[in-house]
């Protein structure tokens, strides 16, 4: 009888874990959907410069990591090289970035932010201040260790998604339906 009770408790724990996972997944997808809604919507930042949120985040990466290649930027943002290559012409046409040949490797080009790009980023950051302040206030209730756990969870979710995409791409290649994006 004791074995049955242990088994019953384990089943209850599994059900509770499944319920918690479903709650976590629902919240994650809700946040993802909210971010996706705004990701491609152009916003007017300054001086009639309309730019999408995804282009702004690319611009932030370019500012944060000067002289990265397009491939490295794609890796940092977790998107395809093609995705970055599609956004670069818009940023170039607005004079927010420049592309220079790398001295150490002639076939690689580095992407640099211009002074106008830095000015656009400053305007963008001021738009985000209220949101970031609110999130920071909410997170202040958590300990450093708890925030570390949250970061670990996000990293594990990102890794799981990367592994899933790789597995999916391998399956597509196996069946001849490879997505080139």
N, C-alpha and C. Protein backbone atom coordinates (compact mmCIF):
# COMPACT_ATOMS: atom_id res chain seq x y z
N UNK A 1 0.81 -1.19 0.00
CA UNK A 1 0.00 0.00 0.00
C UNK A 1 0.86 1.27 0.00
N UNK A 2 1.98 1.24 0.71
CA UNK A 2 2.87 2.38 0.75
C UNK A 2 3.39 2.71 -0.66
N UNK A 3 3.71 1.69 -1.44
CA UNK A 3 4.19 1.89 -2.80
C UNK A 3 3.13 2.62 -3.63
N UNK A 4 1.89 2.24 -3.46
CA UNK A 4 0.79 2.86 -4.19
C UNK A 4 0.69 4.35 -3.85
N UNK A 5 0.82 4.65 -2.55
CA UNK A 5 0.75 6.05 -2.14
C UNK A 5 1.89 6.87 -2.73
N UNK A 6 3.09 6.30 -2.75
CA UNK A 6 4.22 6.99 -3.38
C UNK A 6 3.96 7.19 -4.86
N UNK A 7 3.45 6.17 -5.49
CA UNK A 7 3.14 6.26 -6.91
C UNK A 7 2.08 7.33 -7.15
N UNK A 8 1.09 7.35 -6.30
CA UNK A 8 0.01 8.33 -6.42
C UNK A 8 0.56 9.75 -6.25
N UNK A 9 1.46 9.94 -5.28
CA UNK A 9 2.08 11.25 -5.08
C UNK A 9 2.91 11.65 -6.28
N UNK A 10 3.65 10.70 -6.84
CA UNK A 10 4.46 11.00 -8.03
C UNK A 10 3.57 11.42 -9.19
N UNK A 11 2.44 10.73 -9.35
CA UNK A 11 1.51 11.10 -10.42
C UNK A 11 0.96 12.51 -10.18
N UNK A 12 0.63 12.83 -8.93
CA UNK A 12 0.15 14.17 -8.60
C UNK A 12 1.22 15.21 -8.91
N UNK A 13 2.47 14.91 -8.56
CA UNK A 13 3.57 15.84 -8.86
C UNK A 13 3.73 16.03 -10.36
N UNK A 14 3.61 14.94 -11.11
CA UNK A 14 3.73 15.03 -12.56
C UNK A 14 2.62 15.89 -13.13
N UNK A 15 1.39 15.69 -12.64
CA UNK A 15 0.26 16.50 -13.10
C UNK A 15 0.49 17.96 -12.75
N UNK A 16 0.96 18.25 -11.54
CA UNK A 16 1.24 19.64 -11.14
C UNK A 16 2.34 20.24 -12.00
N UNK A 17 3.39 19.45 -12.29
CA UNK A 17 4.47 19.94 -13.15
C UNK A 17 3.93 20.24 -14.54
N UNK A 18 3.08 19.36 -15.06
CA UNK A 18 2.48 19.59 -16.38
C UNK A 18 1.65 20.87 -16.38
N UNK A 19 0.87 21.07 -15.31
CA UNK A 19 0.06 22.28 -15.20
C UNK A 19 0.95 23.52 -15.13
N UNK A 20 2.02 23.47 -14.37
CA UNK A 20 2.94 24.61 -14.25
C UNK A 20 3.64 24.87 -15.58
N UNK A 21 4.02 23.77 -16.26
CA UNK A 21 4.63 23.94 -17.58
C UNK A 21 3.65 24.62 -18.53
N UNK A 22 2.40 24.18 -18.52
CA UNK A 22 1.39 24.79 -19.39
C UNK A 22 1.20 26.27 -19.06
N UNK A 23 1.19 26.62 -17.77
CA UNK A 23 1.11 28.02 -17.37
C UNK A 23 2.30 28.81 -17.90
N UNK A 24 3.49 28.25 -17.72
CA UNK A 24 4.72 28.89 -18.19
C UNK A 24 4.67 29.08 -19.70
N UNK A 25 4.28 28.03 -20.42
CA UNK A 25 4.21 28.09 -21.88
C UNK A 25 3.20 29.14 -22.32
N UNK A 26 2.03 29.18 -21.68
CA UNK A 26 1.02 30.17 -22.03
C UNK A 26 1.54 31.59 -21.84
N UNK A 27 2.20 31.85 -20.72
CA UNK A 27 2.75 33.18 -20.47
C UNK A 27 3.86 33.53 -21.45
N UNK A 28 4.71 32.54 -21.74
CA UNK A 28 5.80 32.76 -22.70
C UNK A 28 5.23 33.12 -24.07
N UNK A 29 4.23 32.35 -24.53
CA UNK A 29 3.64 32.62 -25.84
C UNK A 29 2.88 33.94 -25.86
N UNK A 30 2.27 34.30 -24.74
CA UNK A 30 1.59 35.59 -24.67
C UNK A 30 2.60 36.73 -24.84
N UNK A 31 3.71 36.64 -24.12
CA UNK A 31 4.76 37.66 -24.25
C UNK A 31 5.31 37.67 -25.67
N UNK A 32 5.56 36.49 -26.21
CA UNK A 32 6.08 36.38 -27.58
C UNK A 32 5.12 37.03 -28.57
N UNK A 33 3.82 36.77 -28.43
CA UNK A 33 2.84 37.35 -29.34
C UNK A 33 2.77 38.87 -29.19
N UNK A 34 2.87 39.37 -27.96
CA UNK A 34 2.88 40.81 -27.75
C UNK A 34 4.09 41.45 -28.42
N UNK A 35 5.24 40.82 -28.29
CA UNK A 35 6.45 41.35 -28.92
C UNK A 35 6.38 41.26 -30.43
N UNK A 36 5.82 40.16 -30.94
CA UNK A 36 5.71 39.97 -32.39
C UNK A 36 4.83 41.06 -33.00
N UNK A 37 3.75 41.44 -32.30
CA UNK A 37 2.85 42.49 -32.79
C UNK A 37 3.60 43.78 -33.07
N UNK A 38 4.51 44.13 -32.17
CA UNK A 38 5.20 45.42 -32.33
C UNK A 38 6.50 45.31 -33.12
N UNK A 39 6.97 44.10 -33.35
CA UNK A 39 8.30 43.91 -33.94
C UNK A 39 8.43 44.52 -35.34
N UNK A 40 7.40 44.43 -36.16
CA UNK A 40 7.52 44.90 -37.54
C UNK A 40 6.78 46.21 -37.79
N UNK A 41 6.09 46.69 -36.77
CA UNK A 41 5.34 47.93 -36.92
C UNK A 41 6.30 49.11 -36.93
N UNK A 42 6.30 49.88 -38.04
CA UNK A 42 7.19 51.04 -38.10
C UNK A 42 6.76 52.12 -37.10
N UNK A 43 7.75 52.72 -36.47
CA UNK A 43 7.48 53.83 -35.58
C UNK A 43 8.33 55.02 -35.99
N UNK A 44 7.79 56.21 -35.75
CA UNK A 44 8.51 57.43 -36.08
C UNK A 44 9.36 57.80 -34.88
N UNK A 45 10.67 57.69 -35.05
CA UNK A 45 11.59 57.94 -33.94
C UNK A 45 11.96 59.41 -33.83
N UNK A 46 12.51 59.95 -34.89
CA UNK A 46 12.89 61.37 -34.88
C UNK A 46 13.12 61.83 -36.30
N UNK A 47 12.92 63.10 -36.53
CA UNK A 47 13.16 63.70 -37.85
C UNK A 47 12.55 62.87 -38.98
N UNK A 48 11.32 62.44 -38.80
CA UNK A 48 10.60 61.65 -39.81
C UNK A 48 11.32 60.37 -40.20
N UNK A 49 12.03 59.78 -39.28
CA UNK A 49 12.68 58.48 -39.52
C UNK A 49 11.73 57.40 -39.02
N UNK A 50 11.15 56.66 -39.97
CA UNK A 50 10.28 55.53 -39.63
C UNK A 50 11.10 54.26 -39.70
N UNK A 51 11.08 53.51 -38.62
CA UNK A 51 11.91 52.31 -38.54
C UNK A 51 11.17 51.28 -37.68
N UNK A 52 11.29 50.02 -38.04
CA UNK A 52 10.61 48.97 -37.28
C UNK A 52 11.39 48.66 -36.00
N UNK A 53 10.69 48.04 -35.07
CA UNK A 53 11.32 47.66 -33.81
C UNK A 53 12.46 46.68 -34.06
N UNK A 54 12.26 45.75 -35.00
CA UNK A 54 13.33 44.79 -35.28
C UNK A 54 14.56 45.49 -35.85
N UNK A 55 14.34 46.54 -36.67
CA UNK A 55 15.48 47.31 -37.19
C UNK A 55 16.16 48.09 -36.07
N UNK A 56 15.37 48.60 -35.13
CA UNK A 56 15.95 49.30 -33.98
C UNK A 56 16.79 48.36 -33.13
N UNK A 57 16.31 47.14 -32.94
CA UNK A 57 17.08 46.17 -32.14
C UNK A 57 18.36 45.77 -32.86
N UNK A 58 18.30 45.69 -34.19
CA UNK A 58 19.53 45.43 -34.96
C UNK A 58 20.49 46.61 -34.78
N UNK A 59 19.96 47.82 -34.85
CA UNK A 59 20.79 49.02 -34.66
C UNK A 59 21.42 49.02 -33.26
N UNK A 60 20.67 48.60 -32.25
CA UNK A 60 21.21 48.49 -30.89
C UNK A 60 22.38 47.51 -30.83
N UNK A 61 22.24 46.37 -31.51
CA UNK A 61 23.31 45.37 -31.52
C UNK A 61 24.55 45.91 -32.22
N UNK A 62 24.32 46.64 -33.30
CA UNK A 62 25.44 47.23 -34.04
C UNK A 62 26.18 48.23 -33.15
N UNK A 63 25.43 49.01 -32.38
CA UNK A 63 26.06 49.98 -31.46
C UNK A 63 26.76 49.27 -30.31
N UNK A 64 26.15 48.23 -29.79
CA UNK A 64 26.70 47.52 -28.64
C UNK A 64 27.95 46.73 -28.99
N UNK A 65 27.97 46.16 -30.19
CA UNK A 65 29.10 45.33 -30.62
C UNK A 65 29.65 45.87 -31.94
N UNK A 66 30.45 46.93 -31.86
CA UNK A 66 30.98 47.54 -33.09
C UNK A 66 31.81 46.56 -33.91
N UNK A 67 31.70 46.70 -35.19
CA UNK A 67 32.50 45.95 -36.16
C UNK A 67 32.15 44.47 -36.26
N UNK A 68 30.94 44.08 -35.82
CA UNK A 68 30.52 42.69 -36.03
C UNK A 68 30.14 42.49 -37.50
N UNK A 69 30.28 41.27 -37.95
CA UNK A 69 29.84 40.93 -39.31
C UNK A 69 28.34 40.66 -39.29
N UNK A 70 27.75 40.58 -40.48
CA UNK A 70 26.33 40.28 -40.59
C UNK A 70 26.03 38.92 -39.96
N UNK A 71 26.89 37.95 -40.19
CA UNK A 71 26.70 36.62 -39.61
C UNK A 71 26.72 36.68 -38.09
N UNK A 72 27.66 37.42 -37.52
CA UNK A 72 27.74 37.55 -36.06
C UNK A 72 26.53 38.28 -35.49
N UNK A 73 26.06 39.30 -36.19
CA UNK A 73 24.86 40.01 -35.74
C UNK A 73 23.65 39.07 -35.72
N UNK A 74 23.53 38.25 -36.76
CA UNK A 74 22.42 37.29 -36.83
C UNK A 74 22.48 36.33 -35.65
N UNK A 75 23.67 35.86 -35.33
CA UNK A 75 23.84 34.95 -34.20
C UNK A 75 23.45 35.63 -32.89
N UNK A 76 23.89 36.86 -32.68
CA UNK A 76 23.56 37.60 -31.45
C UNK A 76 22.05 37.80 -31.30
N UNK A 77 21.37 38.07 -32.40
CA UNK A 77 19.94 38.35 -32.34
C UNK A 77 19.08 37.09 -32.45
N UNK A 78 19.71 35.97 -32.78
CA UNK A 78 18.96 34.73 -32.91
C UNK A 78 18.07 34.69 -34.13
N UNK A 79 18.52 35.33 -35.21
CA UNK A 79 17.77 35.34 -36.47
C UNK A 79 18.69 34.85 -37.59
N UNK A 80 18.13 34.70 -38.77
CA UNK A 80 18.93 34.23 -39.90
C UNK A 80 19.77 35.37 -40.48
N UNK A 81 20.82 34.98 -41.18
CA UNK A 81 21.67 35.95 -41.88
C UNK A 81 20.83 36.70 -42.92
N UNK A 82 19.91 35.98 -43.55
CA UNK A 82 19.02 36.60 -44.54
C UNK A 82 18.15 37.68 -43.93
N UNK A 83 17.70 37.45 -42.71
CA UNK A 83 16.89 38.44 -42.00
C UNK A 83 17.68 39.73 -41.81
N UNK A 84 18.92 39.60 -41.39
CA UNK A 84 19.78 40.78 -41.19
C UNK A 84 20.04 41.46 -42.54
N UNK A 85 20.34 40.66 -43.55
CA UNK A 85 20.63 41.20 -44.88
C UNK A 85 19.45 41.98 -45.46
N UNK A 86 18.23 41.60 -45.09
CA UNK A 86 17.05 42.33 -45.56
C UNK A 86 16.89 43.67 -44.85
N UNK A 87 17.36 43.76 -43.62
CA UNK A 87 17.19 44.99 -42.85
C UNK A 87 18.31 46.01 -43.10
N UNK A 88 19.48 45.52 -43.46
CA UNK A 88 20.65 46.39 -43.66
C UNK A 88 20.40 47.51 -44.68
N UNK A 89 19.81 47.22 -45.87
CA UNK A 89 19.61 48.30 -46.84
C UNK A 89 18.77 49.47 -46.30
N UNK A 90 17.75 49.18 -45.51
CA UNK A 90 16.92 50.24 -44.92
C UNK A 90 17.76 51.11 -43.99
N UNK A 91 18.58 50.46 -43.14
CA UNK A 91 19.42 51.22 -42.21
C UNK A 91 20.47 52.03 -42.97
N UNK A 92 21.00 51.47 -44.05
CA UNK A 92 21.96 52.20 -44.88
C UNK A 92 21.30 53.40 -45.55
N UNK A 93 20.09 53.19 -46.10
CA UNK A 93 19.40 54.27 -46.81
C UNK A 93 19.03 55.43 -45.89
N UNK A 94 18.85 55.14 -44.62
CA UNK A 94 18.55 56.19 -43.64
C UNK A 94 19.82 56.79 -43.04
N UNK A 95 20.98 56.32 -43.50
CA UNK A 95 22.29 56.78 -43.01
C UNK A 95 22.46 56.52 -41.51
N UNK A 96 21.92 55.38 -41.04
CA UNK A 96 22.04 55.01 -39.63
C UNK A 96 23.25 54.12 -39.39
N UNK A 97 23.74 53.48 -40.45
CA UNK A 97 24.90 52.59 -40.36
C UNK A 97 25.78 52.77 -41.59
N UNK A 98 27.00 52.28 -41.46
CA UNK A 98 27.90 52.15 -42.61
C UNK A 98 28.47 50.74 -42.58
N UNK A 99 28.95 50.31 -43.74
CA UNK A 99 29.60 49.00 -43.83
C UNK A 99 31.02 49.23 -44.32
N UNK A 100 31.98 48.65 -43.62
CA UNK A 100 33.38 48.79 -43.98
C UNK A 100 34.02 47.42 -44.15
N UNK A 101 35.04 47.39 -45.00
CA UNK A 101 35.80 46.15 -45.20
C UNK A 101 36.69 45.91 -43.98
N UNK A 102 36.68 44.70 -43.48
CA UNK A 102 37.56 44.36 -42.34
C UNK A 102 38.99 44.24 -42.85
N UNK A 103 39.93 44.82 -42.12
CA UNK A 103 41.33 44.79 -42.54
C UNK A 103 41.92 43.40 -42.44
N UNK A 104 41.57 42.68 -41.37
CA UNK A 104 42.18 41.37 -41.13
C UNK A 104 41.62 40.27 -42.03
N UNK A 105 40.44 40.50 -42.61
CA UNK A 105 39.83 39.48 -43.46
C UNK A 105 39.03 40.20 -44.54
N UNK A 106 39.57 40.23 -45.74
CA UNK A 106 38.99 41.02 -46.83
C UNK A 106 37.59 40.58 -47.25
N UNK A 107 37.24 39.30 -47.00
CA UNK A 107 35.91 38.88 -47.44
C UNK A 107 34.82 39.20 -46.41
N UNK A 108 35.21 39.59 -45.20
CA UNK A 108 34.23 39.97 -44.18
C UNK A 108 34.09 41.48 -44.11
N UNK A 109 32.85 41.92 -43.95
CA UNK A 109 32.57 43.34 -43.80
C UNK A 109 32.01 43.58 -42.41
N UNK A 110 32.39 44.71 -41.83
CA UNK A 110 31.91 45.08 -40.50
C UNK A 110 30.83 46.14 -40.64
N UNK A 111 29.87 46.11 -39.73
CA UNK A 111 28.77 47.07 -39.74
C UNK A 111 28.99 48.03 -38.57
N UNK A 112 28.96 49.32 -38.86
CA UNK A 112 29.19 50.36 -37.84
C UNK A 112 28.00 51.31 -37.78
N UNK A 113 27.74 51.84 -36.61
CA UNK A 113 26.66 52.81 -36.43
C UNK A 113 27.19 54.21 -36.73
N UNK A 114 26.35 55.05 -37.33
CA UNK A 114 26.73 56.44 -37.61
C UNK A 114 26.27 57.32 -36.45
N UNK A 115 26.65 58.60 -36.50
CA UNK A 115 26.21 59.52 -35.44
C UNK A 115 24.69 59.69 -35.48
N UNK A 116 24.10 59.68 -36.68
CA UNK A 116 22.64 59.76 -36.78
C UNK A 116 22.01 58.50 -36.17
N UNK A 117 22.63 57.35 -36.41
CA UNK A 117 22.16 56.10 -35.82
C UNK A 117 22.19 56.15 -34.30
N UNK A 118 23.25 56.73 -33.75
CA UNK A 118 23.35 56.88 -32.29
C UNK A 118 22.27 57.81 -31.76
N UNK A 119 21.98 58.86 -32.52
CA UNK A 119 20.93 59.80 -32.12
C UNK A 119 19.56 59.12 -32.14
N UNK A 120 19.30 58.30 -33.15
CA UNK A 120 18.04 57.56 -33.24
C UNK A 120 17.93 56.60 -32.06
N UNK A 121 19.03 55.94 -31.72
CA UNK A 121 19.02 55.01 -30.58
C UNK A 121 18.73 55.74 -29.27
N UNK A 122 19.29 56.93 -29.11
CA UNK A 122 19.04 57.71 -27.89
C UNK A 122 17.56 58.05 -27.78
N UNK A 123 16.95 58.42 -28.90
CA UNK A 123 15.51 58.72 -28.91
C UNK A 123 14.71 57.46 -28.60
N UNK A 124 15.10 56.35 -29.17
CA UNK A 124 14.43 55.07 -28.94
C UNK A 124 14.52 54.69 -27.46
N UNK A 125 15.71 54.84 -26.90
CA UNK A 125 15.90 54.49 -25.49
C UNK A 125 15.03 55.34 -24.57
N UNK A 126 14.86 56.61 -24.91
CA UNK A 126 14.00 57.45 -24.07
C UNK A 126 12.55 56.99 -24.14
N UNK A 127 12.13 56.43 -25.28
CA UNK A 127 10.78 55.87 -25.40
C UNK A 127 10.60 54.66 -24.49
N UNK A 128 11.66 53.89 -24.31
CA UNK A 128 11.60 52.66 -23.53
C UNK A 128 11.76 52.87 -22.03
N UNK A 129 12.17 54.06 -21.63
CA UNK A 129 12.48 54.30 -20.21
C UNK A 129 11.35 53.91 -19.28
N UNK A 130 10.12 54.30 -19.59
CA UNK A 130 8.99 53.99 -18.71
C UNK A 130 8.77 52.48 -18.60
N UNK A 131 8.84 51.78 -19.73
CA UNK A 131 8.67 50.33 -19.71
C UNK A 131 9.77 49.67 -18.89
N UNK A 132 11.02 50.06 -19.14
CA UNK A 132 12.14 49.46 -18.42
C UNK A 132 12.07 49.76 -16.92
N UNK A 133 11.63 50.98 -16.58
CA UNK A 133 11.50 51.35 -15.17
C UNK A 133 10.44 50.47 -14.50
N UNK A 134 9.33 50.24 -15.20
CA UNK A 134 8.26 49.39 -14.66
C UNK A 134 8.74 47.95 -14.46
N UNK A 135 9.45 47.42 -15.46
CA UNK A 135 9.97 46.05 -15.36
C UNK A 135 11.00 45.96 -14.24
N UNK A 136 11.88 46.95 -14.15
CA UNK A 136 12.90 46.96 -13.10
C UNK A 136 12.24 47.00 -11.72
N UNK A 137 11.20 47.81 -11.57
CA UNK A 137 10.48 47.86 -10.29
C UNK A 137 9.87 46.50 -9.96
N UNK A 138 9.26 45.86 -10.96
CA UNK A 138 8.67 44.53 -10.74
C UNK A 138 9.73 43.51 -10.36
N UNK A 139 10.88 43.58 -11.00
CA UNK A 139 11.95 42.61 -10.74
C UNK A 139 12.66 42.88 -9.41
N UNK A 140 12.51 44.08 -8.87
CA UNK A 140 13.20 44.40 -7.61
C UNK A 140 12.68 43.55 -6.45
N UNK A 141 11.51 42.94 -6.61
CA UNK A 141 10.97 42.06 -5.57
C UNK A 141 11.69 40.71 -5.54
N UNK A 142 12.49 40.44 -6.57
CA UNK A 142 13.19 39.16 -6.65
C UNK A 142 14.65 39.32 -6.24
N UNK A 143 15.19 38.26 -5.67
CA UNK A 143 16.61 38.26 -5.29
C UNK A 143 17.47 38.09 -6.54
N UNK A 144 18.73 38.37 -6.38
CA UNK A 144 19.69 38.18 -7.47
C UNK A 144 19.69 36.73 -7.93
N UNK A 145 19.60 35.79 -6.98
CA UNK A 145 19.56 34.37 -7.33
C UNK A 145 18.31 34.03 -8.13
N UNK A 146 17.17 34.61 -7.75
CA UNK A 146 15.93 34.34 -8.47
C UNK A 146 16.00 34.89 -9.90
N UNK A 147 16.58 36.06 -10.04
CA UNK A 147 16.74 36.63 -11.39
C UNK A 147 17.70 35.77 -12.20
N UNK A 148 18.74 35.25 -11.54
CA UNK A 148 19.66 34.33 -12.21
C UNK A 148 18.94 33.09 -12.71
N UNK A 149 18.01 32.58 -11.91
CA UNK A 149 17.22 31.41 -12.32
C UNK A 149 16.35 31.77 -13.53
N UNK A 150 15.77 32.96 -13.50
CA UNK A 150 14.95 33.41 -14.63
C UNK A 150 15.78 33.49 -15.90
N UNK A 151 16.98 34.03 -15.79
CA UNK A 151 17.89 34.11 -16.94
C UNK A 151 18.22 32.71 -17.44
N UNK A 152 18.50 31.79 -16.52
CA UNK A 152 18.77 30.39 -16.91
C UNK A 152 17.58 29.79 -17.65
N UNK A 153 16.37 30.06 -17.15
CA UNK A 153 15.16 29.54 -17.81
C UNK A 153 15.07 30.08 -19.23
N UNK A 154 15.25 31.40 -19.40
CA UNK A 154 15.19 31.98 -20.73
C UNK A 154 16.25 31.38 -21.66
N UNK A 155 17.46 31.18 -21.13
CA UNK A 155 18.52 30.59 -21.94
C UNK A 155 18.16 29.16 -22.34
N UNK A 156 17.58 28.40 -21.42
CA UNK A 156 17.19 27.02 -21.73
C UNK A 156 16.06 26.98 -22.75
N UNK A 157 15.11 27.90 -22.63
CA UNK A 157 14.03 27.98 -23.62
C UNK A 157 14.61 28.32 -24.99
N UNK A 158 15.52 29.29 -25.04
CA UNK A 158 16.14 29.67 -26.31
C UNK A 158 16.91 28.50 -26.91
N UNK A 159 17.65 27.77 -26.09
CA UNK A 159 18.39 26.60 -26.56
C UNK A 159 17.44 25.53 -27.08
N UNK A 160 16.35 25.29 -26.36
CA UNK A 160 15.37 24.29 -26.80
C UNK A 160 14.76 24.68 -28.14
N UNK A 161 14.47 25.96 -28.31
CA UNK A 161 13.91 26.43 -29.59
C UNK A 161 14.94 26.26 -30.69
N UNK A 162 16.21 26.61 -30.43
CA UNK A 162 17.27 26.42 -31.43
C UNK A 162 17.38 24.95 -31.82
N UNK A 163 17.37 24.07 -30.83
CA UNK A 163 17.48 22.63 -31.10
C UNK A 163 16.28 22.14 -31.90
N UNK A 164 15.09 22.63 -31.56
CA UNK A 164 13.88 22.25 -32.28
C UNK A 164 13.96 22.71 -33.74
N UNK A 165 14.40 23.96 -33.95
CA UNK A 165 14.52 24.47 -35.31
C UNK A 165 15.52 23.66 -36.11
N UNK A 166 16.64 23.29 -35.51
CA UNK A 166 17.65 22.48 -36.18
C UNK A 166 17.07 21.13 -36.56
N UNK A 167 16.37 20.50 -35.63
CA UNK A 167 15.75 19.20 -35.90
C UNK A 167 14.72 19.34 -37.01
N UNK A 168 13.95 20.41 -36.98
CA UNK A 168 12.93 20.65 -38.00
C UNK A 168 13.57 20.87 -39.37
N UNK A 169 14.66 21.64 -39.42
CA UNK A 169 15.37 21.88 -40.68
C UNK A 169 15.95 20.58 -41.23
N UNK A 170 16.46 19.73 -40.34
CA UNK A 170 17.00 18.44 -40.78
C UNK A 170 15.90 17.57 -41.36
N UNK A 171 14.73 17.58 -40.73
CA UNK A 171 13.59 16.81 -41.24
C UNK A 171 13.15 17.34 -42.60
N UNK A 172 13.10 18.67 -42.73
CA UNK A 172 12.71 19.27 -44.00
C UNK A 172 13.70 18.90 -45.09
N UNK A 173 14.99 18.96 -44.78
CA UNK A 173 16.02 18.60 -45.75
C UNK A 173 15.89 17.13 -46.15
N UNK A 174 15.56 16.31 -45.18
CA UNK A 174 15.38 14.88 -45.42
C UNK A 174 14.26 14.64 -46.43
N UNK A 175 13.22 15.45 -46.35
CA UNK A 175 12.06 15.28 -47.24
C UNK A 175 12.10 16.22 -48.44
N UNK A 176 13.17 17.00 -48.56
CA UNK A 176 13.33 17.88 -49.72
C UNK A 176 12.49 19.13 -49.67
N UNK A 177 12.05 19.54 -48.48
CA UNK A 177 11.23 20.74 -48.34
C UNK A 177 11.97 21.83 -47.59
N UNK A 178 13.27 21.94 -47.79
CA UNK A 178 14.09 22.86 -47.00
C UNK A 178 13.64 24.30 -47.16
N UNK A 179 13.50 25.00 -46.05
CA UNK A 179 13.18 26.42 -46.02
C UNK A 179 14.49 27.18 -46.09
N UNK A 180 14.59 28.10 -47.02
CA UNK A 180 15.86 28.79 -47.23
C UNK A 180 15.98 30.06 -46.40
N UNK A 181 15.01 30.37 -45.54
CA UNK A 181 15.10 31.62 -44.76
C UNK A 181 15.90 31.47 -43.53
